Amino acid sequence: MLWDGIETVDNTHYNDGENYYFDSYAHFSIHEDMIKDETRTGAYKNAILRNSYLFEGKTVLDIGCGTGILSFFAARAGAAHVYGIDMADIIDYS
């Protein structure tokens, strides 16, 4: 019994949690929306580039990098090495 009165969960309308999460980031449209959000992307860019002293000569690991936009900002800020890792299929196109 899961909860009082609930014996099982019907998952026929849902993907399993892990795959659903990563599959939702596999499509170009979500990444296009995020990159086109000038406020969001600009805030990340400004935060990284205005604090470039934190990145200069360092190794950066961008976990969940998607298209790699933040990895590019880290490289532009002077990181010696930048590694972008993503489990979603978008990585095959980035």
N, C-alpha and C. Protein backbone atom coordinates (compact mmCIF):
# COMPACT_ATOMS: atom_id res chain seq x y z
N MET A 1 0.85 -1.18 0.00
CA MET A 1 0.00 0.00 0.00
C MET A 1 0.90 1.24 0.00
N LEU A 2 0.63 2.16 -0.93
CA LEU A 2 1.40 3.39 -1.02
C LEU A 2 0.91 4.42 -0.02
N TRP A 3 -0.35 4.73 -0.11
CA TRP A 3 -1.00 5.64 0.83
C TRP A 3 -2.34 5.03 1.19
N ASP A 4 -2.95 5.57 2.19
CA ASP A 4 -4.24 5.06 2.63
C ASP A 4 -5.22 5.02 1.46
N GLY A 5 -5.63 3.84 1.07
CA GLY A 5 -6.60 3.68 0.00
C GLY A 5 -5.99 3.60 -1.39
N ILE A 6 -4.68 3.75 -1.53
CA ILE A 6 -4.04 3.69 -2.84
C ILE A 6 -3.09 2.49 -2.84
N GLU A 7 -3.42 1.52 -3.66
CA GLU A 7 -2.63 0.30 -3.73
C GLU A 7 -1.51 0.40 -4.78
N THR A 8 -1.80 1.01 -5.93
CA THR A 8 -0.83 1.12 -7.01
C THR A 8 -0.93 2.50 -7.65
N VAL A 9 0.05 2.82 -8.44
CA VAL A 9 0.04 4.07 -9.20
C VAL A 9 -0.05 3.72 -10.67
N ASP A 10 -0.98 4.35 -11.36
CA ASP A 10 -1.17 4.13 -12.79
C ASP A 10 -0.21 5.05 -13.55
N ASN A 11 0.84 4.47 -14.12
CA ASN A 11 1.84 5.24 -14.84
C ASN A 11 1.64 5.20 -16.35
N THR A 12 0.47 4.80 -16.81
CA THR A 12 0.27 4.66 -18.25
C THR A 12 0.35 5.99 -18.98
N HIS A 13 0.14 7.10 -18.31
CA HIS A 13 0.17 8.41 -18.96
C HIS A 13 1.47 9.16 -18.72
N TYR A 14 2.41 8.54 -18.05
CA TYR A 14 3.66 9.20 -17.70
C TYR A 14 4.84 8.33 -18.10
N ASN A 15 5.91 8.97 -18.48
CA ASN A 15 7.16 8.23 -18.66
C ASN A 15 7.76 8.03 -17.28
N ASP A 16 8.72 7.12 -17.17
CA ASP A 16 9.34 6.99 -15.86
C ASP A 16 10.10 8.28 -15.55
N GLY A 17 10.26 8.60 -14.31
CA GLY A 17 10.78 9.87 -13.86
C GLY A 17 12.09 10.29 -14.50
N GLU A 18 13.07 9.41 -14.51
CA GLU A 18 14.39 9.77 -15.02
C GLU A 18 14.33 10.06 -16.52
N ASN A 19 13.73 9.17 -17.29
CA ASN A 19 13.67 9.38 -18.73
C ASN A 19 12.81 10.57 -19.09
N TYR A 20 11.72 10.76 -18.40
CA TYR A 20 10.84 11.90 -18.68
C TYR A 20 11.61 13.20 -18.50
N TYR A 21 12.38 13.31 -17.44
CA TYR A 21 13.14 14.53 -17.17
C TYR A 21 14.13 14.80 -18.30
N PHE A 22 14.95 13.82 -18.63
CA PHE A 22 15.98 14.02 -19.65
C PHE A 22 15.37 14.17 -21.04
N ASP A 23 14.31 13.42 -21.32
CA ASP A 23 13.65 13.55 -22.62
C ASP A 23 13.06 14.93 -22.82
N SER A 24 12.63 15.56 -21.74
CA SER A 24 12.03 16.89 -21.87
C SER A 24 13.06 17.93 -22.29
N TYR A 25 14.35 17.65 -22.09
CA TYR A 25 15.41 18.57 -22.50
C TYR A 25 16.08 18.12 -23.80
N ALA A 26 15.56 17.09 -24.44
CA ALA A 26 16.16 16.57 -25.67
C ALA A 26 15.72 17.36 -26.90
N HIS A 27 14.68 18.15 -26.77
CA HIS A 27 14.10 18.85 -27.92
C HIS A 27 14.70 20.24 -28.07
N PHE A 28 14.91 20.65 -29.30
CA PHE A 28 15.50 21.95 -29.59
C PHE A 28 14.68 23.10 -29.02
N SER A 29 13.37 22.96 -29.05
CA SER A 29 12.50 24.09 -28.70
C SER A 29 12.73 24.61 -27.29
N ILE A 30 12.95 23.73 -26.33
CA ILE A 30 13.16 24.20 -24.95
C ILE A 30 14.46 24.98 -24.85
N HIS A 31 15.48 24.55 -25.56
CA HIS A 31 16.77 25.24 -25.53
C HIS A 31 16.69 26.56 -26.29
N GLU A 32 15.95 26.55 -27.38
CA GLU A 32 15.75 27.79 -28.13
C GLU A 32 15.05 28.82 -27.25
N ASP A 33 14.02 28.39 -26.54
CA ASP A 33 13.30 29.30 -25.64
C ASP A 33 14.22 29.86 -24.56
N MET A 34 15.07 29.00 -23.99
CA MET A 34 15.96 29.46 -22.92
C MET A 34 17.00 30.44 -23.46
N ILE A 35 17.58 30.15 -24.61
CA ILE A 35 18.60 31.04 -25.17
C ILE A 35 17.98 32.37 -25.62
N LYS A 36 16.78 32.31 -26.17
CA LYS A 36 16.10 33.54 -26.63
C LYS A 36 15.62 34.41 -25.47
N ASP A 37 15.56 33.84 -24.28
CA ASP A 37 15.18 34.62 -23.10
C ASP A 37 16.36 35.51 -22.75
N GLU A 38 16.35 36.73 -23.30
CA GLU A 38 17.50 37.63 -23.16
C GLU A 38 17.79 37.99 -21.71
N THR A 39 16.77 38.12 -20.90
CA THR A 39 16.98 38.44 -19.49
C THR A 39 17.73 37.31 -18.79
N ARG A 40 17.28 36.10 -19.01
CA ARG A 40 17.88 34.92 -18.39
C ARG A 40 19.32 34.72 -18.88
N THR A 41 19.47 34.64 -20.21
CA THR A 41 20.79 34.38 -20.78
C THR A 41 21.75 35.52 -20.46
N GLY A 42 21.27 36.76 -20.54
CA GLY A 42 22.11 37.91 -20.23
C GLY A 42 22.55 37.94 -18.78
N ALA A 43 21.68 37.51 -17.89
CA ALA A 43 22.03 37.48 -16.47
C ALA A 43 23.16 36.47 -16.22
N TYR A 44 23.05 35.30 -16.84
CA TYR A 44 24.13 34.31 -16.71
C TYR A 44 25.42 34.84 -17.31
N LYS A 45 25.33 35.41 -18.51
CA LYS A 45 26.51 35.93 -19.19
C LYS A 45 27.18 37.01 -18.34
N ASN A 46 26.40 37.95 -17.85
CA ASN A 46 26.96 39.03 -17.04
C ASN A 46 27.57 38.52 -15.74
N ALA A 47 26.90 37.57 -15.10
CA ALA A 47 27.41 37.02 -13.85
C ALA A 47 28.77 36.35 -14.06
N ILE A 48 28.89 35.63 -15.16
CA ILE A 48 30.15 34.92 -15.43
C ILE A 48 31.24 35.89 -15.88
N LEU A 49 30.93 36.73 -16.86
CA LEU A 49 31.96 37.62 -17.41
C LEU A 49 32.37 38.72 -16.44
N ARG A 50 31.45 39.19 -15.63
CA ARG A 50 31.79 40.24 -14.65
C ARG A 50 32.57 39.69 -13.46
N ASN A 51 32.60 38.38 -13.36
CA ASN A 51 33.37 37.72 -12.30
C ASN A 51 34.42 36.80 -12.91
N SER A 52 34.99 37.24 -14.01
CA SER A 52 35.93 36.40 -14.76
C SER A 52 37.13 35.98 -13.92
N TYR A 53 37.46 36.76 -12.89
CA TYR A 53 38.58 36.39 -12.03
C TYR A 53 38.34 35.04 -11.35
N LEU A 54 37.10 34.64 -11.22
CA LEU A 54 36.79 33.34 -10.62
C LEU A 54 37.01 32.19 -11.61
N PHE A 55 37.06 32.50 -12.90
CA PHE A 55 37.16 31.49 -13.95
C PHE A 55 38.55 31.41 -14.56
N GLU A 56 39.32 32.49 -14.50
CA GLU A 56 40.61 32.56 -15.18
C GLU A 56 41.55 31.44 -14.73
N GLY A 57 41.97 30.66 -15.73
CA GLY A 57 42.91 29.57 -15.47
C GLY A 57 42.32 28.35 -14.80
N LYS A 58 41.03 28.35 -14.53
CA LYS A 58 40.38 27.24 -13.82
C LYS A 58 39.83 26.21 -14.80
N THR A 59 39.50 25.05 -14.25
CA THR A 59 38.79 24.02 -14.98
C THR A 59 37.33 24.08 -14.57
N VAL A 60 36.44 24.14 -15.55
CA VAL A 60 35.00 24.27 -15.29
C VAL A 60 34.30 23.01 -15.79
N LEU A 61 33.44 22.46 -14.95
CA LEU A 61 32.62 21.32 -15.31
C LEU A 61 31.17 21.80 -15.34
N ASP A 62 30.58 21.85 -16.51
CA ASP A 62 29.20 22.30 -16.70
C ASP A 62 28.32 21.07 -16.83
N ILE A 63 27.73 20.66 -15.72
CA ILE A 63 26.88 19.47 -15.69
C ILE A 63 25.46 19.87 -16.09
N GLY A 64 24.92 19.18 -17.07
CA GLY A 64 23.61 19.55 -17.60
C GLY A 64 23.75 20.73 -18.54
N CYS A 65 24.78 20.70 -19.38
CA CYS A 65 25.16 21.86 -20.19
C CYS A 65 24.19 22.18 -21.31
N GLY A 66 23.34 21.24 -21.70
CA GLY A 66 22.40 21.52 -22.79
C GLY A 66 23.14 21.91 -24.06
N THR A 67 22.90 23.12 -24.53
CA THR A 67 23.55 23.60 -25.76
C THR A 67 24.97 24.05 -25.50
N GLY A 68 25.36 24.20 -24.26
CA GLY A 68 26.73 24.61 -23.93
C GLY A 68 26.93 26.10 -23.83
N ILE A 69 25.85 26.87 -23.80
CA ILE A 69 25.98 28.34 -23.77
C ILE A 69 26.76 28.81 -22.55
N LEU A 70 26.51 28.21 -21.39
CA LEU A 70 27.24 28.63 -20.19
C LEU A 70 28.70 28.19 -20.25
N SER A 71 28.94 27.07 -20.92
CA SER A 71 30.32 26.63 -21.13
C SER A 71 31.09 27.64 -21.97
N PHE A 72 30.43 28.17 -23.00
CA PHE A 72 31.06 29.19 -23.83
C PHE A 72 31.37 30.45 -23.02
N PHE A 73 30.45 30.84 -22.16
CA PHE A 73 30.68 32.01 -21.32
C PHE A 73 31.88 31.77 -20.40
N ALA A 74 31.98 30.56 -19.84
CA ALA A 74 33.11 30.24 -18.96
C ALA A 74 34.42 30.30 -19.72
N ALA A 75 34.43 29.79 -20.95
CA ALA A 75 35.64 29.85 -21.78
C ALA A 75 36.00 31.29 -22.09
N ARG A 76 34.99 32.08 -22.43
CA ARG A 76 35.23 33.50 -22.73
C ARG A 76 35.76 34.24 -21.50
N ALA A 77 35.36 33.77 -20.31
CA ALA A 77 35.82 34.40 -19.07
C ALA A 77 37.24 33.99 -18.70
N GLY A 78 37.82 33.08 -19.47
CA GLY A 78 39.22 32.74 -19.24
C GLY A 78 39.49 31.38 -18.64
N ALA A 79 38.48 30.53 -18.57
CA ALA A 79 38.71 29.19 -18.03
C ALA A 79 39.73 28.46 -18.90
N ALA A 80 40.64 27.75 -18.25
CA ALA A 80 41.67 27.01 -18.98
C ALA A 80 41.08 25.80 -19.71
N HIS A 81 40.14 25.13 -19.07
CA HIS A 81 39.48 23.96 -19.64
C HIS A 81 38.01 24.03 -19.25
N VAL A 82 37.14 23.69 -20.19
CA VAL A 82 35.70 23.64 -19.92
C VAL A 82 35.18 22.31 -20.45
N TYR A 83 34.49 21.58 -19.58
CA TYR A 83 33.89 20.31 -19.95
C TYR A 83 32.38 20.43 -19.78
N GLY A 84 31.65 20.17 -20.85
CA GLY A 84 30.19 20.19 -20.81
C GLY A 84 29.66 18.78 -20.88
N ILE A 85 28.81 18.43 -19.94
CA ILE A 85 28.25 17.08 -19.86
C ILE A 85 26.74 17.19 -19.78
N ASP A 86 26.06 16.37 -20.57
CA ASP A 86 24.60 16.36 -20.52
C ASP A 86 24.12 14.96 -20.83
N MET A 87 23.05 14.55 -20.20
CA MET A 87 22.49 13.22 -20.43
C MET A 87 21.37 13.27 -21.47
N ALA A 88 20.81 14.45 -21.71
CA ALA A 88 19.74 14.58 -22.71
C ALA A 88 20.32 14.49 -24.11
N ASP A 89 19.52 14.10 -25.06
CA ASP A 89 19.97 13.89 -26.43
C ASP A 89 20.42 15.18 -27.10
N ILE A 90 20.11 16.34 -26.56
CA ILE A 90 20.54 17.60 -27.15
C ILE A 90 22.05 17.65 -27.26
N ILE A 91 22.75 16.92 -26.43
CA ILE A 91 24.22 16.92 -26.44
C ILE A 91 24.75 16.42 -27.77
N ASP A 92 23.98 15.58 -28.46
CA ASP A 92 24.42 15.06 -29.76
C ASP A 92 24.45 16.15 -30.83
N TYR A 93 23.80 17.27 -30.56
CA TYR A 93 23.72 18.36 -31.53
C TYR A 93 24.45 19.60 -31.08
N SER A 94 24.96 19.58 -29.87
CA SER A 94 25.61 20.77 -29.31
C SER A 94 27.08 20.83 -29.67
